[in-house]
Structures are given as structure tokens and as C-alpha cells.
C-alpha atoms as a PDB file:
ATOM      1  CA  MET A   1       0.034   0.101   0.050  1.00  0.00           C
ATOM      2  CA  SER A   2       1.453   3.380  -0.898  1.00  0.00           C
ATOM      3  CA  ARG A   3       1.765   6.198   1.561  1.00  0.00           C
ATOM      4  CA  SER A   4      -1.001   8.230  -0.108  1.00  0.00           C
ATOM      5  CA  GLN A   5      -3.365   5.217   0.075  1.00  0.00           C
ATOM      6  CA  ALA A   6      -2.578   4.743   3.757  1.00  0.00           C
ATOM      7  CA  ALA A   7      -2.963   8.525   4.376  1.00  0.00           C
ATOM      8  CA  THR A   8      -6.448   8.311   2.668  1.00  0.00           C
ATOM      9  CA  GLU A   9      -7.623   5.408   4.796  1.00  0.00           C
ATOM     10  CA  VAL A  10      -6.346   6.881   8.019  1.00  0.00           C
ATOM     11  CA  THR A  11      -8.305  10.090   7.223  1.00  0.00           C
ATOM     12  CA  GLY A  12     -11.539   7.994   6.529  1.00  0.00           C
ATOM     13  CA  LEU A  13     -11.059   6.209   9.786  1.00  0.00           C
ATOM     14  CA  LEU A  14     -10.626   9.501  11.688  1.00  0.00           C
ATOM     15  CA  ARG A  15     -13.796  10.896  10.212  1.00  0.00           C
ATOM     16  CA  ALA A  16     -15.749   7.654  10.975  1.00  0.00           C
ATOM     17  CA  TRP A  17     -14.382   7.450  14.457  1.00  0.00           C
ATOM     18  CA  ARG A  18     -15.357  11.146  15.062  1.00  0.00           C
ATOM     19  CA  GLY A  19     -18.734  10.206  13.784  1.00  0.00           C
ATOM     20  CA  GLY A  20     -19.280   7.633  16.458  1.00  0.00           C
ATOM     21  CA  ASP A  21     -18.018   4.373  14.515  1.00  0.00           C
ATOM     22  CA  ALA A  22     -16.438   2.358  17.240  1.00  0.00           C
ATOM     23  CA  VAL A  23     -15.154  -0.250  14.844  1.00  0.00           C
ATOM     24  CA  ALA A  24     -13.386   2.601  12.852  1.00  0.00           C
ATOM     25  CA  GLY A  25     -11.854   3.609  16.090  1.00  0.00           C
ATOM     26  CA  GLU A  26     -10.391   0.163  16.758  1.00  0.00           C
ATOM     27  CA  GLU A  27      -9.135  -0.212  13.316  1.00  0.00           C
ATOM     28  CA  LEU A  28      -7.708   3.443  13.472  1.00  0.00           C
ATOM     29  CA  LEU A  29      -5.845   2.408  16.629  1.00  0.00           C
ATOM     30  CA  GLN A  30      -4.194  -0.415  14.884  1.00  0.00           C
ATOM     31  CA  ARG A  31      -3.026   1.602  12.092  1.00  0.00           C
ATOM     32  CA  ILE A  32      -1.799   4.578  13.887  1.00  0.00           C
ATOM     33  CA  TYR A  33      -0.219   2.442  16.596  1.00  0.00           C
ATOM     34  CA  ALA A  34       1.865   0.819  14.014  1.00  0.00           C
ATOM     35  CA  GLU A  35       2.987   4.197  12.739  1.00  0.00           C
ATOM     36  CA  LEU A  36       3.434   5.719  16.115  1.00  0.00           C
ATOM     37  CA  LYS A  37       5.687   2.704  17.056  1.00  0.00           C
ATOM     38  CA  LYS A  38       7.831   3.285  13.887  1.00  0.00           C
ATOM     39  CA  ILE A  39       8.152   6.908  14.681  1.00  0.00           C
ATOM     40  CA  ALA A  40       9.135   6.178  18.373  1.00  0.00           C
ATOM     41  CA  SER A  41      11.705   3.499  17.430  1.00  0.00           C
ATOM     42  CA  SER A  42      13.191   6.010  15.003  1.00  0.00           C
ATOM     43  CA  GLN A  43      13.380   8.728  17.636  1.00  0.00           C
ATOM     44  CA  LEU A  44      14.898   6.434  20.241  1.00  0.00           C
ATOM     45  CA  LYS A  45      17.441   4.718  18.087  1.00  0.00           C
ATOM     46  CA  GLY A  46      20.084   7.254  19.035  1.00  0.00           C
ATOM     47  CA  GLU A  47      19.712   6.845  22.691  1.00  0.00           C
ATOM     48  CA  ARG A  48      22.260   5.156  24.868  1.00  0.00           C
ATOM     49  CA  ALA A  49      22.053   1.557  25.719  1.00  0.00           C
ATOM     50  CA  GLY A  50      19.792   0.824  28.732  1.00  0.00           C
ATOM     51  CA  HIS A  51      17.767   3.921  28.138  1.00  0.00           C
ATOM     52  CA  SER A  52      14.683   3.667  30.406  1.00  0.00           C
ATOM     53  CA  LEU A  53      11.986   4.946  27.931  1.00  0.00           C
ATOM     54  CA  GLN A  54      11.338   2.249  25.408  1.00  0.00           C
ATOM     55  CA  SER A  55       9.428   2.857  22.150  1.00  0.00           C
ATOM     56  CA  THR A  56       6.243   1.235  23.486  1.00  0.00           C
ATOM     57  CA  ASP A  57       6.249   3.514  26.381  1.00  0.00           C
ATOM     58  CA  LEU A  58       6.718   6.501  24.120  1.00  0.00           C
ATOM     59  CA  VAL A  59       3.815   5.348  21.935  1.00  0.00           C
ATOM     60  CA  HIS A  60       1.421   4.678  24.865  1.00  0.00           C
ATOM     61  CA  GLU A  61       2.174   7.909  26.502  1.00  0.00           C
ATOM     62  CA  ALA A  62       1.874   9.867  23.251  1.00  0.00           C
ATOM     63  CA  TYR A  63      -1.265   8.106  22.300  1.00  0.00           C
ATOM     64  CA  PHE A  64      -2.824   8.678  25.771  1.00  0.00           C
ATOM     65  CA  ARG A  65      -2.145  12.375  25.470  1.00  0.00           C
ATOM     66  CA  LEU A  66      -3.755  12.279  22.007  1.00  0.00           C
ATOM     67  CA  LEU A  67      -6.944  10.795  23.319  1.00  0.00           C
ATOM     68  CA  GLN A  68      -7.230  13.788  25.728  1.00  0.00           C
ATOM     69  CA  GLN A  69      -7.512  15.849  22.703  1.00  0.00           C
ATOM     70  CA  GLN A  70     -11.216  15.049  22.363  1.00  0.00           C
ATOM     71  CA  GLY A  71     -12.399  18.499  21.317  1.00  0.00           C
ATOM     72  CA  THR A  72      -9.937  18.316  18.241  1.00  0.00           C
ATOM     73  CA  ASP A  73     -11.589  18.136  14.875  1.00  0.00           C
ATOM     74  CA  TRP A  74      -9.268  15.731  13.104  1.00  0.00           C
ATOM     75  CA  ARG A  75      -9.178  16.980   9.493  1.00  0.00           C
ATOM     76  CA  ASP A  76      -6.937  14.318   8.143  1.00  0.00           C
ATOM     77  CA  ARG A  77      -3.914  12.036   8.741  1.00  0.00           C
ATOM     78  CA  ALA A  78      -1.470  14.961   8.502  1.00  0.00           C
ATOM     79  CA  HIS A  79      -3.406  16.995  10.999  1.00  0.00           C
ATOM     80  CA  PHE A  80      -3.478  13.890  13.361  1.00  0.00           C
ATOM     81  CA  PHE A  81       0.210  13.228  13.083  1.00  0.00           C
ATOM     82  CA  GLY A  82       1.138  16.811  13.277  1.00  0.00           C
ATOM     83  CA  LEU A  83      -0.430  16.731  16.826  1.00  0.00           C
ATOM     84  CA  ALA A  84       1.396  13.447  17.544  1.00  0.00           C
ATOM     85  CA  ALA A  85       4.619  15.144  16.717  1.00  0.00           C
ATOM     86  CA  THR A  86       4.099  17.673  19.468  1.00  0.00           C
ATOM     87  CA  MET A  87       2.896  14.946  21.825  1.00  0.00           C
ATOM     88  CA  MET A  88       6.078  12.872  21.091  1.00  0.00           C
ATOM     89  CA  ARG A  89       8.361  15.959  21.684  1.00  0.00           C
ATOM     90  CA  ARG A  90       6.554  16.688  25.155  1.00  0.00           C
ATOM     91  CA  VAL A  91       6.850  13.029  26.204  1.00  0.00           C
ATOM     92  CA  LEU A  92      10.531  12.848  25.355  1.00  0.00           C
ATOM     93  CA  VAL A  93      11.306  16.227  27.064  1.00  0.00           C
ATOM     94  CA  ASP A  94       9.137  15.377  30.197  1.00  0.00           C
ATOM     95  CA  HIS A  95      11.011  12.061  30.418  1.00  0.00           C
ATOM     96  CA  ALA A  96      14.380  13.754  30.139  1.00  0.00           C
ATOM     97  CA  ARG A  97      13.489  16.363  32.822  1.00  0.00           C
ATOM     98  CA  ALA A  98      12.219  13.647  35.098  1.00  0.00           C
ATOM     99  CA  ARG A  99      15.324  11.592  34.655  1.00  0.00           C
ATOM    100  CA  ASN A 100      17.662  14.615  35.309  1.00  0.00           C
ATOM    101  CA  ALA A 101      15.655  15.455  38.423  1.00  0.00           C
ATOM    102  CA  ARG A 102      16.024  11.837  39.761  1.00  0.00           C
ATOM    103  CA  LYS A 103      19.828  12.059  39.078  1.00  0.00           C
ATOM    104  CA  ARG A 104      20.160  15.383  41.038  1.00  0.00           C
ATOM    105  CA  VAL A 105      18.262  13.975  43.966  1.00  0.00           C
ATOM    106  CA  ARG A 106      20.833  11.064  44.019  1.00  0.00           C
ATOM    107  CA  ASP A 107      23.501  13.598  43.589  1.00  0.00           C
ATOM    108  CA  GLU A 108      24.977  11.729  40.595  1.00  0.00           C
ATOM    109  CA  GLY A 109      26.352  13.208  37.378  1.00  0.00           C
ATOM    110  CA  ALA A 110      23.632  12.765  34.791  1.00  0.00           C
ATOM    111  CA  ALA A 111      24.654  11.988  31.332  1.00  0.00           C
ATOM    112  CA  PRO A 112      22.573  14.183  28.896  1.00  0.00           C
ATOM    113  CA  VAL A 113      19.470  12.644  27.154  1.00  0.00           C
ATOM    114  CA  THR A 114      20.117  12.805  23.460  1.00  0.00           C
ATOM    115  CA  ILE A 115      18.186  12.025  20.369  1.00  0.00           C
ATOM    116  CA  GLN A 116      19.497  11.279  16.880  1.00  0.00           C
ATOM    117  CA  SER A 117      19.205  14.044  14.468  1.00  0.00           C
ATOM    118  CA  ARG A 118      18.125  13.555  10.782  1.00  0.00           C
ATOM    119  CA  ARG A 119      21.898  13.603   9.699  1.00  0.00           C
ATOM    120  CA  GLY A 120      22.726  10.925  12.201  1.00  0.00           C
ATOM    121  CA  THR A 121      24.367  13.110  14.738  1.00  0.00           C
ATOM    122  CA  GLU A 122      23.280  13.332  18.478  1.00  0.00           C
ATOM    123  CA  VAL A 123      21.488  16.287  19.756  1.00  0.00           C
ATOM    124  CA  GLU A 124      20.949  16.908  23.492  1.00  0.00           C
ATOM    125  CA  LEU A 125      17.148  16.649  23.830  1.00  0.00           C
ATOM    126  CA  LEU A 126      16.723  19.512  26.472  1.00  0.00           C
ATOM    127  CA  ASP A 127      18.958  21.813  24.536  1.00  0.00           C
ATOM    128  CA  LEU A 128      16.943  21.223  21.421  1.00  0.00           C
ATOM    129  CA  ASP A 129      13.603  21.635  23.364  1.00  0.00           C
ATOM    130  CA  ARG A 130      15.022  25.115  24.891  1.00  0.00           C
ATOM    131  CA  ALA A 131      16.031  26.241  21.428  1.00  0.00           C
ATOM    132  CA  LEU A 132      12.715  25.169  19.891  1.00  0.00           C
ATOM    133  CA  THR A 133      10.743  26.943  22.688  1.00  0.00           C
ATOM    134  CA  LEU A 134      12.786  30.246  22.096  1.00  0.00           C
ATOM    135  CA  PHE A 135      12.281  29.680  18.290  1.00  0.00           C
ATOM    136  CA  ALA A 136       8.475  29.199  18.807  1.00  0.00           C
ATOM    137  CA  GLU A 137       8.125  32.581  20.546  1.00  0.00           C
ATOM    138  CA  ARG A 138       8.994  34.321  17.156  1.00  0.00           C
ATOM    139  CA  TYR A 139       8.291  31.665  14.639  1.00  0.00           C
ATOM    140  CA  PRO A 140       5.332  29.435  15.574  1.00  0.00           C
ATOM    141  CA  ARG A 141       4.598  28.155  12.026  1.00  0.00           C
ATOM    142  CA  GLN A 142       8.190  27.251  11.488  1.00  0.00           C
ATOM    143  CA  THR A 143       8.344  25.356  14.777  1.00  0.00           C
ATOM    144  CA  ARG A 144       5.398  23.294  13.759  1.00  0.00           C
ATOM    145  CA  VAL A 145       7.317  22.421  10.637  1.00  0.00           C
ATOM    146  CA  VAL A 146      10.296  21.253  12.657  1.00  0.00           C
ATOM    147  CA  GLU A 147       8.066  19.111  14.931  1.00  0.00           C
ATOM    148  CA  MET A 148       6.424  17.324  12.002  1.00  0.00           C
ATOM    149  CA  ARG A 149       9.569  16.945   9.995  1.00  0.00           C
ATOM    150  CA  TYR A 150      12.018  16.060  12.823  1.00  0.00           C
ATOM    151  CA  PHE A 151       9.817  14.311  15.327  1.00  0.00           C
ATOM    152  CA  VAL A 152       7.381  12.429  13.022  1.00  0.00           C
ATOM    153  CA  ASP A 153       9.409  12.517   9.708  1.00  0.00           C
ATOM    154  CA  MET A 154       6.328  13.763   7.763  1.00  0.00           C
ATOM    155  CA  GLU A 155       6.746  14.503   4.053  1.00  0.00           C
ATOM    156  CA  ILE A 156       6.909  18.231   2.873  1.00  0.00           C
ATOM    157  CA  GLU A 157       3.488  17.788   1.111  1.00  0.00           C
ATOM    158  CA  GLU A 158       1.851  16.328   4.225  1.00  0.00           C
ATOM    159  CA  ILE A 159       3.187  19.254   6.403  1.00  0.00           C
ATOM    160  CA  ALA A 160       1.839  21.693   3.738  1.00  0.00           C
ATOM    161  CA  SER A 161      -1.578  19.988   3.802  1.00  0.00           C
ATOM    162  CA  CYS A 162      -1.717  20.134   7.553  1.00  0.00           C
ATOM    163  CA  LEU A 163      -0.468  23.808   7.942  1.00  0.00           C
ATOM    164  CA  GLU A 164      -2.367  24.811   4.745  1.00  0.00           C
ATOM    165  CA  ILE A 165       0.661  26.419   3.181  1.00  0.00           C
ATOM    166  CA  SER A 166       2.636  25.698  -0.116  1.00  0.00           C
ATOM    167  CA  PRO A 167       5.232  23.066  -0.196  1.00  0.00           C
ATOM    168  CA  ALA A 168       7.726  25.782  -1.259  1.00  0.00           C
ATOM    169  CA  THR A 169       6.967  27.584   1.942  1.00  0.00           C
ATOM    170  CA  VAL A 170       7.482  24.468   4.191  1.00  0.00           C
ATOM    171  CA  LYS A 171      10.847  23.962   2.404  1.00  0.00           C
ATOM    172  CA  ARG A 172      11.849  27.439   3.240  1.00  0.00           C
ATOM    173  CA  ASP A 173      10.686  27.245   6.711  1.00  0.00           C
ATOM    174  CA  TRP A 174      12.589  23.909   7.157  1.00  0.00           C
ATOM    175  CA  GLN A 175      15.795  25.399   5.723  1.00  0.00           C
ATOM    176  CA  PHE A 176      15.435  28.545   7.923  1.00  0.00           C
ATOM    177  CA  ALA A 177      14.580  26.598  11.115  1.00  0.00           C
ATOM    178  CA  ARG A 178      17.519  24.109  10.549  1.00  0.00           C
ATOM    179  CA  ALA A 179      20.032  26.998  10.173  1.00  0.00           C
ATOM    180  CA  TRP A 180      18.627  28.929  13.189  1.00  0.00           C
ATOM    181  CA  LEU A 181      18.533  25.882  15.557  1.00  0.00           C
ATOM    182  CA  ARG A 182      22.132  24.772  14.350  1.00  0.00           C
ATOM    183  CA  THR A 183      23.439  28.296  15.166  1.00  0.00           C
ATOM    184  CA  ARG A 184      21.733  28.369  18.454  1.00  0.00           C
ATOM    185  CA  LEU A 185      22.751  24.831  19.505  1.00  0.00           C
ATOM    186  CA  ALA A 186      26.281  25.708  18.624  1.00  0.00           C
ATOM    187  CA  GLY A 187      26.145  28.730  20.835  1.00  0.00           C
ATOM    188  CA  GLY A 188      26.231  31.406  18.145  1.00  0.00           C
ATOM    189  CA  THR A 189      24.135  34.446  17.660  1.00  0.00           C
ATOM    190  CA  VAL A 190      21.063  34.048  15.579  1.00  0.00           C
ATOM    191  CA  GLU A 191      20.101  36.536  12.961  1.00  0.00           C
ATOM    192  CA  THR A 192      16.531  37.287  12.118  1.00  0.00           C
ATOM    193  CA  PRO A 193      15.781  36.761   8.365  1.00  0.00           C
ATOM    194  CA  GLY A 194      14.119  39.576   6.465  1.00  0.00           C
ATOM    195  CA  SER A 195      11.442  37.054   5.350  1.00  0.00           C
ATOM    196  CA  THR A 196      10.832  33.397   6.136  1.00  0.00           C
ATOM    197  CA  GLY A 197       8.048  32.897   3.617  1.00  0.00           C
END
């Protein structure tokens, strides 16, 4: 099954579930669980051996948080997984903060919690979160692009559909955000662009 066929099926299941179809809800869970598990495994592959948060834990917590978004009008698969990106980020960050707090209580040196970037290099998760939070204050749309692209590995066209912008704008946002975050994470000063599309 192609990615576009899968997207169409998930969109249909979301709409049926929203309309009260319990069977569609069960089938949706099976579909999105498999995708969320794949995303979670990808996010955690750069973690050190013995990392306490497993992909199943990440999926369950993200899914639980998604279920609490009952007032959300799921437009389509892209919209759903866009919110899943935010939930994955929050779960990972909350876990890293809790782990660091436990380490401080035991007065031990805490190794930083890292995740693997799209280029295969490790990024300290809390540093990335702080940079993204700062970035979001000025560039909320570009932050959503980063969450969808980085945390859920959504395609440019899916992000464009979810945010209702052009694929060209998504590409510009992604390029700008990567440059801004790279500079910030390297400890450099960040220049504001004249226009980010």
C-alpha cells in the first residue's frame, strides 16, 4: 500500500471514528499504533544503551495524550500526526526532565539525554527543546514544521496540507529553522531573516 493510500484510509477512519463508529476507532488504533511505534523507534534509536524509555512506552504515553484531545476536529492523517509530533516531543522532554531530576536527587552526574538528528548526529534533547521553545516565540509556524519533520518524519507535502501552506513555504521554513537551530545549539548568535515565507 502506498503512503498516499494509507493516508486516505487513516483520514477516512478518523472521520468515521469522530462520527461515532467504534469499529473504525479500533481499526484506527491499529493503524496509527503501528505508525507511532515506527516513529518512536526512530526517535529512540540514537539513545544510549539501557535507556529507560522504550518505544512502546513512548507510543502509549503519546497516544494517551492524543486521546485527551477530544475537542480536536481531526481533518486528516497529516493533522493527526502533526499533533502526534507535538505529543512525542513533550513526552521525550518530560522524560528527560524527570530523569535529570532523579539524578540530581541522588547527587550523581547525569549523562545528557540525546536523540539522533536526521543527519545521524546526536542532539541533546533538553537543549533542542529550549532552542525550539525560544524559536516558537518568534516563529510558531516554522516550529510546527520542525516538529512534524523532525519528530514524525512527515513529508513536505503532508506538512503543507496540515498547515495549509505551500510545499515551497514548508521547504523555506525547514531550511530557515535548521539553520537557526544549528546556530543556536552551537552557541552562536542568531540573525533574524528579512522574510521566512
